[in-house]
Amino acid sequence: MAIDLAEDEHWMRRALALADRAENEGEVPIGAVVVRDGKLLGEGWNSVISYADPTAHAEIVALRDAARTAGNYRLPGATLYVSLEPCTMCAGAMIHARIERLVFGAREPRAGVACSTCSLLDEARYNHRVSWQEGVLAEDSSQRLKAFFRARR
């Protein structure tokens, strides 16, 4: 899969717009989209409070939406764009869904498992590997999160 920075930025902007939607709903501002062959398969934003569901992270909501669209829980060839580095749960879901590539904005120093606390997606013991790219519109994502938590304190 050829990497196209303009395309990565396009889809990350969509994820950031969904992060804004999460914030407007009182959720932590994180958004995600799943794309395959240049087409949107699914999207989501943090909804743990709204859904009263601890698994309703942006990535999980987007993966569920994409699986419904595709008619399959496996999403080979798909890229997941998310504004913040995924946690363990979300990384596991990407592996099970056979996501080809992860693109995220800002690092999550406390719970991110692509590179911040560990390199879960690089583990050879899993039967599927997810390639990953960090830093796409990272400052935009980071600023949203900082402003959100600053306003909460």
Protein backbone atom coordinates (compact mmCIF):
# COMPACT_ATOMS: atom_id res chain seq x y z
CA MET A 1 0.00 0.00 0.00
CA ALA A 2 1.55 3.30 -1.11
CA ILE A 3 1.51 6.02 1.54
CA ASP A 4 0.00 9.31 0.42
CA LEU A 5 0.50 12.12 2.96
CA ALA A 6 -2.23 14.28 1.41
CA GLU A 7 -4.70 11.40 1.72
CA ASP A 8 -3.58 10.71 5.29
CA GLU A 9 -4.14 14.36 6.20
CA HIS A 10 -7.55 14.37 4.48
CA TRP A 11 -8.81 11.41 6.52
CA MET A 12 -7.18 12.65 9.72
CA ARG A 13 -9.06 15.93 9.31
CA ARG A 14 -12.26 13.86 9.18
CA ALA A 15 -11.20 12.07 12.36
CA LEU A 16 -10.53 15.44 14.02
CA ALA A 17 -13.98 16.68 12.99
CA LEU A 18 -15.42 13.61 14.71
CA ALA A 19 -13.28 14.40 17.76
CA ASP A 20 -14.99 17.79 17.84
CA ARG A 21 -18.34 16.00 17.74
CA ALA A 22 -17.28 13.89 20.73
CA GLU A 23 -16.34 17.01 22.65
CA ASN A 24 -19.68 18.64 21.82
CA GLU A 25 -21.33 15.59 23.39
CA GLY A 26 -19.22 15.89 26.56
CA GLU A 27 -16.86 13.08 25.59
CA VAL A 28 -13.05 13.11 25.38
CA PRO A 29 -12.32 14.52 21.89
CA ILE A 30 -11.11 11.50 19.94
CA GLY A 31 -12.38 10.57 16.49
CA ALA A 32 -11.66 7.72 14.09
CA VAL A 33 -12.41 6.64 10.54
CA VAL A 34 -11.85 3.39 8.64
CA VAL A 35 -11.01 3.74 4.96
CA ARG A 36 -10.40 1.19 2.22
CA ASP A 37 -9.57 1.93 -1.42
CA GLY A 38 -10.11 5.64 -0.79
CA LYS A 39 -13.67 5.13 0.47
CA LEU A 40 -15.03 5.69 3.97
CA LEU A 41 -16.19 2.39 5.49
CA GLY A 42 -16.89 3.53 9.03
CA GLU A 43 -16.51 6.33 11.50
CA GLY A 44 -16.78 6.88 15.21
CA TRP A 45 -15.99 9.16 18.09
CA ASN A 46 -15.58 8.54 21.80
CA SER A 47 -19.02 7.61 23.13
CA VAL A 48 -18.32 5.85 26.43
CA ILE A 49 -20.51 8.25 28.42
CA SER A 50 -23.29 8.53 25.83
CA TYR A 51 -23.54 4.75 25.37
CA ALA A 52 -22.68 3.89 29.00
CA ASP A 53 -20.22 1.48 27.42
CA PRO A 54 -16.55 1.27 28.43
CA THR A 55 -15.71 -0.24 25.02
CA ALA A 56 -17.16 2.67 23.02
CA HIS A 57 -13.79 4.20 22.16
CA ALA A 58 -13.66 6.01 18.83
CA GLU A 59 -11.71 3.18 17.19
CA ILE A 60 -14.14 0.47 18.32
CA VAL A 61 -17.18 2.49 17.19
CA ALA A 62 -15.52 3.09 13.79
CA LEU A 63 -14.56 -0.60 13.43
CA ARG A 64 -18.13 -1.69 14.22
CA ASP A 65 -19.49 0.76 11.67
CA ALA A 66 -16.98 -0.38 9.04
CA ALA A 67 -17.74 -4.07 9.67
CA ARG A 68 -21.47 -3.41 9.18
CA THR A 69 -20.76 -1.52 5.95
CA ALA A 70 -18.44 -4.25 4.64
CA GLY A 71 -20.69 -7.07 5.84
CA ASN A 72 -17.67 -8.72 7.43
CA TYR A 73 -15.80 -8.38 10.72
CA ARG A 74 -12.55 -8.74 8.79
CA LEU A 75 -11.37 -5.55 7.10
CA PRO A 76 -8.25 -6.48 5.10
CA GLY A 77 -6.69 -3.62 3.17
CA ALA A 78 -8.30 -1.01 5.42
CA THR A 79 -6.61 1.88 7.20
CA LEU A 80 -7.83 3.16 10.55
CA TYR A 81 -7.20 6.86 11.19
CA VAL A 82 -7.53 8.03 14.78
CA SER A 83 -6.61 11.30 16.43
CA LEU A 84 -4.88 9.65 19.43
CA GLU A 85 -2.63 6.61 19.77
CA PRO A 86 -4.79 3.56 20.54
CA CYS A 87 -5.01 1.67 23.82
CA THR A 88 -4.61 -2.08 24.30
CA MET A 89 -8.29 -2.84 23.69
CA CYS A 90 -8.40 -0.90 20.44
CA ALA A 91 -5.12 -2.33 19.19
CA GLY A 92 -6.44 -5.84 19.84
CA ALA A 93 -9.62 -5.07 17.91
CA MET A 94 -7.53 -3.82 14.96
CA ILE A 95 -5.53 -7.04 14.95
CA HIS A 96 -8.70 -9.17 15.01
CA ALA A 97 -10.28 -7.06 12.25
CA ARG A 98 -7.14 -7.49 10.13
CA ILE A 99 -6.68 -3.74 9.69
CA GLU A 100 -3.72 -3.24 7.37
CA ARG A 101 -2.57 0.14 8.59
CA LEU A 102 -3.06 2.48 11.54
CA VAL A 103 -2.47 6.22 11.25
CA PHE A 104 -2.71 8.28 14.42
CA GLY A 105 -2.17 11.88 15.37
CA ALA A 106 -0.87 12.42 18.91
CA ARG A 107 0.89 9.95 21.17
CA GLU A 108 -0.87 8.80 24.34
CA PRO A 109 1.96 8.62 26.92
CA ARG A 110 -0.08 6.82 29.59
CA ALA A 111 -1.96 4.17 27.61
CA GLY A 112 -0.83 4.23 23.97
CA VAL A 113 0.40 0.84 22.80
CA ALA A 114 1.74 1.50 19.30
CA CYS A 115 4.89 3.16 20.63
CA SER A 116 4.35 5.09 23.89
CA THR A 117 4.11 2.41 26.58
CA CYS A 118 4.94 -0.61 24.41
CA SER A 119 4.93 -1.75 20.77
CA LEU A 120 1.95 -4.08 20.80
CA LEU A 121 1.30 -3.83 17.06
CA ASP A 122 4.88 -4.93 16.34
CA GLU A 123 4.63 -8.15 18.36
CA ALA A 124 5.64 -11.13 16.22
CA ARG A 125 3.51 -13.54 18.28
CA TYR A 126 0.24 -12.34 16.74
CA ASN A 127 -1.06 -13.90 13.54
CA HIS A 128 -1.59 -10.47 11.97
CA ARG A 129 0.56 -7.35 11.90
CA VAL A 130 -0.81 -3.83 11.64
CA SER A 131 1.63 -1.33 10.18
CA TRP A 132 1.43 2.09 11.75
CA GLN A 133 2.28 5.73 11.17
CA GLU A 134 2.27 8.39 13.85
CA GLY A 135 2.21 12.15 13.89
CA VAL A 136 -0.30 13.05 11.18
CA LEU A 137 -1.81 16.37 12.36
CA ALA A 138 -0.48 15.52 15.81
CA GLU A 139 -0.43 19.11 17.02
CA ASP A 140 -4.10 19.62 16.09
CA SER A 141 -5.06 16.50 18.02
CA SER A 142 -2.86 17.32 20.99
CA GLN A 143 -4.22 20.86 21.29
CA ARG A 144 -7.84 19.63 21.31
CA LEU A 145 -7.08 17.21 24.11
CA LYS A 146 -5.10 19.73 26.17
CA ALA A 147 -7.86 22.35 25.83
CA PHE A 148 -10.54 19.80 26.76
CA PHE A 149 -8.77 18.68 29.93
CA ARG A 150 -7.73 22.22 30.86
CA ALA A 151 -11.41 23.27 30.72
CA ARG A 152 -12.35 20.31 32.94
CA ARG A 153 -9.94 21.25 35.73
